[in-house]
N, C-alpha and C. Protein backbone atom coordinates (compact mmCIF):
# COMPACT_ATOMS: atom_id res chain seq x y z
N UNK A 1 -4.23 -1.21 -10.63
CA UNK A 1 -4.14 0.13 -10.06
C UNK A 1 -2.97 0.85 -10.71
N UNK A 2 -3.24 2.04 -11.21
CA UNK A 2 -2.18 2.84 -11.83
C UNK A 2 -1.33 3.50 -10.74
N UNK A 3 -0.20 4.03 -11.16
CA UNK A 3 0.67 4.74 -10.23
C UNK A 3 -0.05 5.94 -9.62
N UNK A 4 -0.81 6.66 -10.45
CA UNK A 4 -1.57 7.81 -9.95
C UNK A 4 -2.60 7.39 -8.92
N UNK A 5 -3.30 6.29 -9.19
CA UNK A 5 -4.29 5.78 -8.24
C UNK A 5 -3.61 5.34 -6.95
N UNK A 6 -2.47 4.70 -7.07
CA UNK A 6 -1.74 4.26 -5.89
C UNK A 6 -1.35 5.45 -5.02
N UNK A 7 -0.79 6.47 -5.64
CA UNK A 7 -0.40 7.65 -4.87
C UNK A 7 -1.61 8.33 -4.23
N UNK A 8 -2.72 8.38 -4.96
CA UNK A 8 -3.94 8.98 -4.42
C UNK A 8 -4.47 8.19 -3.22
N UNK A 9 -4.40 6.88 -3.29
CA UNK A 9 -4.84 6.04 -2.18
C UNK A 9 -3.95 6.23 -0.96
N UNK A 10 -2.65 6.41 -1.18
CA UNK A 10 -1.75 6.68 -0.06
C UNK A 10 -2.16 7.97 0.64
N UNK A 11 -2.45 8.99 -0.14
CA UNK A 11 -2.87 10.28 0.43
C UNK A 11 -4.19 10.11 1.17
N UNK A 12 -5.15 9.46 0.54
CA UNK A 12 -6.47 9.27 1.17
C UNK A 12 -6.36 8.47 2.46
N UNK A 13 -5.43 7.50 2.49
CA UNK A 13 -5.24 6.67 3.69
C UNK A 13 -4.30 7.34 4.70
N UNK A 14 -3.80 8.54 4.36
CA UNK A 14 -2.86 9.26 5.21
C UNK A 14 -1.65 8.38 5.51
N UNK A 15 -1.08 7.82 4.45
CA UNK A 15 0.01 6.86 4.59
C UNK A 15 1.17 7.30 3.70
N UNK A 16 2.35 7.31 4.28
CA UNK A 16 3.56 7.62 3.51
C UNK A 16 4.03 6.38 2.76
N UNK A 17 4.95 6.58 1.83
CA UNK A 17 5.53 5.43 1.15
C UNK A 17 6.28 4.55 2.14
N UNK A 18 6.95 5.15 3.08
CA UNK A 18 7.64 4.38 4.12
C UNK A 18 6.64 3.58 4.95
N UNK A 19 5.53 4.21 5.30
CA UNK A 19 4.49 3.51 6.05
C UNK A 19 3.90 2.35 5.28
N UNK A 20 3.71 2.57 3.97
CA UNK A 20 3.19 1.49 3.13
C UNK A 20 4.18 0.33 3.06
N UNK A 21 5.46 0.64 2.99
CA UNK A 21 6.46 -0.43 2.94
C UNK A 21 6.43 -1.25 4.22
N UNK A 22 6.23 -0.60 5.35
CA UNK A 22 6.13 -1.32 6.62
C UNK A 22 4.85 -2.14 6.68
N UNK A 23 3.75 -1.54 6.26
CA UNK A 23 2.46 -2.22 6.34
C UNK A 23 2.42 -3.47 5.46
N UNK A 24 2.96 -3.35 4.24
CA UNK A 24 2.94 -4.48 3.30
C UNK A 24 4.18 -5.37 3.39
N UNK A 25 5.09 -4.99 4.28
CA UNK A 25 6.30 -5.77 4.51
C UNK A 25 7.11 -5.95 3.23
N UNK A 26 7.31 -4.83 2.53
CA UNK A 26 8.13 -4.82 1.33
C UNK A 26 9.18 -3.72 1.46
N UNK A 27 10.17 -3.79 0.62
CA UNK A 27 11.23 -2.80 0.60
C UNK A 27 10.68 -1.43 0.19
N UNK A 28 11.22 -0.38 0.76
CA UNK A 28 10.78 0.98 0.39
C UNK A 28 10.95 1.23 -1.10
N UNK A 29 11.97 0.65 -1.69
CA UNK A 29 12.21 0.83 -3.12
C UNK A 29 11.06 0.24 -3.94
N UNK A 30 10.50 -0.87 -3.48
CA UNK A 30 9.36 -1.48 -4.17
C UNK A 30 8.18 -0.52 -4.19
N UNK A 31 7.90 0.09 -3.05
CA UNK A 31 6.79 1.05 -2.96
C UNK A 31 7.06 2.25 -3.86
N UNK A 32 8.28 2.72 -3.86
CA UNK A 32 8.65 3.84 -4.72
C UNK A 32 8.42 3.48 -6.19
N UNK A 33 8.76 2.26 -6.57
CA UNK A 33 8.57 1.80 -7.95
C UNK A 33 7.08 1.68 -8.28
N UNK A 34 6.25 1.27 -7.31
CA UNK A 34 4.80 1.25 -7.53
C UNK A 34 4.31 2.68 -7.79
N UNK A 35 4.79 3.60 -6.95
CA UNK A 35 4.34 5.00 -7.04
C UNK A 35 4.78 5.66 -8.35
N UNK A 36 5.89 5.20 -8.91
CA UNK A 36 6.38 5.75 -10.16
C UNK A 36 5.82 5.03 -11.38
N UNK A 37 5.14 3.92 -11.15
CA UNK A 37 4.59 3.15 -12.25
C UNK A 37 5.62 2.25 -12.92
N UNK A 38 6.74 2.04 -12.28
CA UNK A 38 7.79 1.19 -12.85
C UNK A 38 7.41 -0.29 -12.77
N UNK A 39 6.66 -0.65 -11.75
CA UNK A 39 6.15 -2.01 -11.62
C UNK A 39 4.68 -1.92 -11.20
N UNK A 40 3.95 -2.96 -11.50
CA UNK A 40 2.51 -2.99 -11.22
C UNK A 40 2.26 -3.31 -9.75
N UNK A 41 1.33 -2.59 -9.16
CA UNK A 41 0.91 -2.87 -7.79
C UNK A 41 0.12 -4.18 -7.80
N UNK A 42 0.53 -5.16 -6.99
CA UNK A 42 -0.22 -6.41 -6.96
C UNK A 42 -1.69 -6.17 -6.58
N UNK A 43 -2.58 -6.95 -7.19
CA UNK A 43 -4.02 -6.76 -6.97
C UNK A 43 -4.41 -6.83 -5.50
N UNK A 44 -3.84 -7.77 -4.76
CA UNK A 44 -4.19 -7.92 -3.34
C UNK A 44 -3.79 -6.68 -2.55
N UNK A 45 -2.62 -6.15 -2.85
CA UNK A 45 -2.16 -4.94 -2.16
C UNK A 45 -3.03 -3.75 -2.55
N UNK A 46 -3.37 -3.64 -3.81
CA UNK A 46 -4.24 -2.55 -4.26
C UNK A 46 -5.58 -2.61 -3.53
N UNK A 47 -6.15 -3.80 -3.42
CA UNK A 47 -7.45 -3.96 -2.75
C UNK A 47 -7.34 -3.61 -1.27
N UNK A 48 -6.28 -4.05 -0.62
CA UNK A 48 -6.11 -3.74 0.81
C UNK A 48 -5.91 -2.25 1.03
N UNK A 49 -5.17 -1.60 0.15
CA UNK A 49 -4.96 -0.16 0.28
C UNK A 49 -6.27 0.59 0.06
N UNK A 50 -7.08 0.16 -0.89
CA UNK A 50 -8.38 0.79 -1.12
C UNK A 50 -9.28 0.62 0.09
N UNK A 51 -9.26 -0.56 0.70
CA UNK A 51 -10.06 -0.80 1.91
C UNK A 51 -9.59 0.10 3.05
N UNK A 52 -8.29 0.27 3.19
CA UNK A 52 -7.75 1.15 4.23
C UNK A 52 -8.20 2.58 3.99
N UNK A 53 -8.09 3.04 2.75
CA UNK A 53 -8.48 4.41 2.42
C UNK A 53 -9.96 4.65 2.63
N UNK A 54 -10.76 3.60 2.44
CA UNK A 54 -12.22 3.72 2.61
C UNK A 54 -12.65 3.51 4.07
N UNK A 55 -11.71 3.21 4.94
CA UNK A 55 -12.02 3.00 6.35
C UNK A 55 -12.62 1.64 6.65
N UNK A 56 -12.46 0.69 5.73
CA UNK A 56 -13.01 -0.65 5.92
C UNK A 56 -12.09 -1.57 6.70
N UNK A 57 -10.86 -1.15 6.91
CA UNK A 57 -9.90 -1.93 7.67
C UNK A 57 -8.90 -0.99 8.31
N UNK A 58 -7.96 -1.53 9.07
CA UNK A 58 -6.98 -0.71 9.77
C UNK A 58 -5.57 -1.08 9.33
N UNK A 59 -4.66 -0.17 9.59
CA UNK A 59 -3.24 -0.40 9.33
C UNK A 59 -2.79 -1.69 10.01
N UNK A 60 -3.14 -1.83 11.29
CA UNK A 60 -2.73 -3.01 12.07
C UNK A 60 -3.24 -4.31 11.47
N UNK A 61 -4.49 -4.31 11.00
CA UNK A 61 -5.07 -5.53 10.42
C UNK A 61 -4.34 -5.92 9.14
N UNK A 62 -4.05 -4.94 8.30
CA UNK A 62 -3.33 -5.23 7.06
C UNK A 62 -1.90 -5.66 7.38
N UNK A 63 -1.27 -4.94 8.27
CA UNK A 63 0.11 -5.27 8.65
C UNK A 63 0.21 -6.72 9.14
N UNK A 64 -0.79 -7.16 9.91
CA UNK A 64 -0.80 -8.53 10.42
C UNK A 64 -0.90 -9.55 9.28
N UNK A 65 -1.63 -9.21 8.24
CA UNK A 65 -1.78 -10.13 7.09
C UNK A 65 -0.46 -10.31 6.33
N UNK A 66 0.37 -9.31 6.34
CA UNK A 66 1.61 -9.34 5.57
C UNK A 66 2.83 -9.65 6.43
N UNK A 67 2.63 -9.89 7.71
CA UNK A 67 3.75 -10.18 8.61
C UNK A 67 4.42 -11.49 8.22
N UNK A 68 5.71 -11.50 8.25
CA UNK A 68 6.46 -12.71 7.95
C UNK A 68 6.74 -13.44 9.27
N UNK A 69 6.65 -14.77 9.23
CA UNK A 69 6.88 -15.55 10.46
C UNK A 69 8.31 -15.45 10.96
């Protein structure tokens, strides 16, 4: 997923970068770097974000998958 695609998926999912950092349980700086194309969005995260944007899953379901014990 390119940085442009990532940002577009955030918009389509009505999700801020801060919201994405909470959902994926990563630092806000990591999400910012994904959005700028400084680092590659992991495939699993890209797929989950696409599913969220398409209405195939929910924020809560994804958040639960990335929760740390």
